[in-house]
C-alpha atoms as a PDB file:
ATOM      1  CA  MET A   1     -13.346 -19.865-131.562  1.00  0.00           C
ATOM      2  CA  ILE A   2     -10.276 -17.721-130.028  1.00  0.00           C
ATOM      3  CA  VAL A   3     -10.400 -14.048-130.364  1.00  0.00           C
ATOM      4  CA  ARG A   4      -7.303 -12.011-129.122  1.00  0.00           C
ATOM      5  CA  VAL A   5      -8.206  -9.098-126.956  1.00  0.00           C
ATOM      6  CA  ARG A   6      -6.661  -6.177-126.797  1.00  0.00           C
ATOM      7  CA  TYR A   7      -7.167  -3.659-123.872  1.00  0.00           C
ATOM      8  CA  PHE A   8      -5.877   0.237-124.010  1.00  0.00           C
ATOM      9  CA  ALA A   9      -5.462   2.876-121.342  1.00  0.00           C
ATOM     10  CA  SER A  10      -7.239   2.158-117.855  1.00  0.00           C
ATOM     11  CA  LEU A  11      -8.634  -0.655-119.451  1.00  0.00           C
ATOM     12  CA  ARG A  12      -5.627  -2.209-119.601  1.00  0.00           C
ATOM     13  CA  GLU A  13      -4.526  -1.580-116.091  1.00  0.00           C
ATOM     14  CA  ARG A  14      -8.077  -3.167-115.167  1.00  0.00           C
ATOM     15  CA  ALA A  15      -7.549  -6.202-116.953  1.00  0.00           C
ATOM     16  CA  GLY A  16      -3.963  -6.743-115.696  1.00  0.00           C
ATOM     17  CA  ALA A  17      -2.667  -6.906-119.329  1.00  0.00           C
ATOM     18  CA  ASP A  18      -1.805  -5.318-122.641  1.00  0.00           C
ATOM     19  CA  PHE A  19      -3.696  -8.527-124.418  1.00  0.00           C
ATOM     20  CA  GLU A  20      -4.908 -12.014-123.701  1.00  0.00           C
ATOM     21  CA  SER A  21      -6.870 -14.643-126.152  1.00  0.00           C
ATOM     22  CA  ILE A  22      -9.771 -15.593-124.847  1.00  0.00           C
ATOM     23  CA  GLU A  23     -12.234 -18.813-126.293  1.00  0.00           C
ATOM     24  CA  ILE A  24     -16.245 -17.732-127.246  1.00  0.00           C
ATOM     25  CA  ASP A  25     -18.782 -19.211-128.930  1.00  0.00           C
ATOM     26  CA  ASP A  26     -19.190 -18.870-132.710  1.00  0.00           C
ATOM     27  CA  THR A  27     -22.564 -16.833-132.401  1.00  0.00           C
ATOM     28  CA  ALA A  28     -21.129 -14.063-129.828  1.00  0.00           C
ATOM     29  CA  ASP A  29     -21.177 -10.658-130.117  1.00  0.00           C
ATOM     30  CA  VAL A  30     -19.523  -8.071-128.309  1.00  0.00           C
ATOM     31  CA  ALA A  31     -21.321  -7.500-125.847  1.00  0.00           C
ATOM     32  CA  THR A  32     -21.137 -11.040-124.661  1.00  0.00           C
ATOM     33  CA  LEU A  33     -17.974 -10.955-125.038  1.00  0.00           C
ATOM     34  CA  TRP A  34     -17.160  -7.796-122.486  1.00  0.00           C
ATOM     35  CA  GLU A  35     -19.602  -9.850-120.207  1.00  0.00           C
ATOM     36  CA  ALA A  36     -17.124 -12.921-119.956  1.00  0.00           C
ATOM     37  CA  LEU A  37     -14.264 -10.437-120.073  1.00  0.00           C
ATOM     38  CA  GLN A  38     -15.664  -8.765-116.929  1.00  0.00           C
ATOM     39  CA  ALA A  39     -16.336 -12.394-115.218  1.00  0.00           C
ATOM     40  CA  LYS A  40     -12.524 -12.932-115.610  1.00  0.00           C
ATOM     41  CA  HIS A  41     -11.387  -9.784-114.717  1.00  0.00           C
ATOM     42  CA  PRO A  42     -13.764  -8.397-112.202  1.00  0.00           C
ATOM     43  CA  ARG A  43     -12.117  -4.803-111.879  1.00  0.00           C
ATOM     44  CA  LEU A  44     -13.660  -4.076-115.349  1.00  0.00           C
ATOM     45  CA  ARG A  45     -17.037  -4.618-113.617  1.00  0.00           C
ATOM     46  CA  ASP A  46     -16.434  -1.057-112.197  1.00  0.00           C
ATOM     47  CA  VAL A  47     -16.055   0.496-115.678  1.00  0.00           C
ATOM     48  CA  THR A  48     -19.073   2.735-115.645  1.00  0.00           C
ATOM     49  CA  VAL A  49     -19.325   3.618-119.409  1.00  0.00           C
ATOM     50  CA  ARG A  50     -19.473   0.822-122.210  1.00  0.00           C
ATOM     51  CA  PRO A  51     -15.590   1.165-124.009  1.00  0.00           C
ATOM     52  CA  LEU A  52     -15.185   1.272-127.632  1.00  0.00           C
ATOM     53  CA  ALA A  53     -15.112  -1.571-129.596  1.00  0.00           C
ATOM     54  CA  ALA A  54     -13.166  -2.313-132.407  1.00  0.00           C
ATOM     55  CA  CYS A  55     -13.283  -5.696-134.686  1.00  0.00           C
ATOM     56  CA  ASP A  56     -10.166  -5.939-136.829  1.00  0.00           C
ATOM     57  CA  MET A  57      -9.468  -2.344-136.567  1.00  0.00           C
ATOM     58  CA  THR A  58     -12.780  -1.292-137.204  1.00  0.00           C
ATOM     59  CA  TYR A  59     -15.021   0.491-134.713  1.00  0.00           C
ATOM     60  CA  VAL A  60     -18.092  -1.803-134.190  1.00  0.00           C
ATOM     61  CA  SER A  61     -21.519  -1.725-132.264  1.00  0.00           C
ATOM     62  CA  TRP A  62     -21.684  -3.751-129.384  1.00  0.00           C
ATOM     63  CA  ASP A  63     -24.523  -5.868-130.763  1.00  0.00           C
ATOM     64  CA  GLY A  64     -21.830  -6.850-133.928  1.00  0.00           C
ATOM     65  CA  PRO A  65     -21.131 -10.396-134.368  1.00  0.00           C
ATOM     66  CA  LEU A  66     -17.812 -11.959-133.492  1.00  0.00           C
ATOM     67  CA  ARG A  67     -17.915 -14.792-136.451  1.00  0.00           C
ATOM     68  CA  GLY A  68     -14.701 -14.464-138.639  1.00  0.00           C
ATOM     69  CA  VAL A  69     -13.070 -11.771-136.296  1.00  0.00           C
ATOM     70  CA  SER A  70      -9.517 -12.351-135.111  1.00  0.00           C
ATOM     71  CA  GLU A  71      -9.197  -9.215-132.843  1.00  0.00           C
ATOM     72  CA  VAL A  72     -11.306  -7.078-130.744  1.00  0.00           C
ATOM     73  CA  ALA A  73      -9.842  -3.991-129.232  1.00  0.00           C
ATOM     74  CA  PHE A  74     -11.768  -2.347-125.895  1.00  0.00           C
ATOM     75  CA  LEU A  75     -11.174   1.458-125.919  1.00  0.00           C
ATOM     76  CA  PRO A  76     -12.143   3.900-122.697  1.00  0.00           C
ATOM     77  CA  PRO A  77     -14.295   6.819-124.161  1.00  0.00           C
ATOM     78  CA  VAL A  78     -12.230   9.787-124.075  1.00  0.00           C
ATOM     79  CA  SER A  79     -12.823  13.497-123.359  1.00  0.00           C
ATOM     80  CA  GLY A  80     -11.386  16.774-124.169  1.00  0.00           C
ATOM     81  CA  GLY A  81     -11.012  19.778-126.035  1.00  0.00           C
END
């Protein structure tokens, strides 16, 4: 299946794009997708804290399945006060 991936903030800089489409197996989960993206964009391997993931605008866990998902967004964790 084809999934549209959106990158935000520092992840966008590391991937070199705002978004892209990637083909991934129908049985993949968010973690599997992230591993594929790290293989494609080596600078994403430097991310030491897992980013937040949202499938079709809803935050999901990393073991969340991608079946039926059209868009996955990755957002780096933010801190502030």
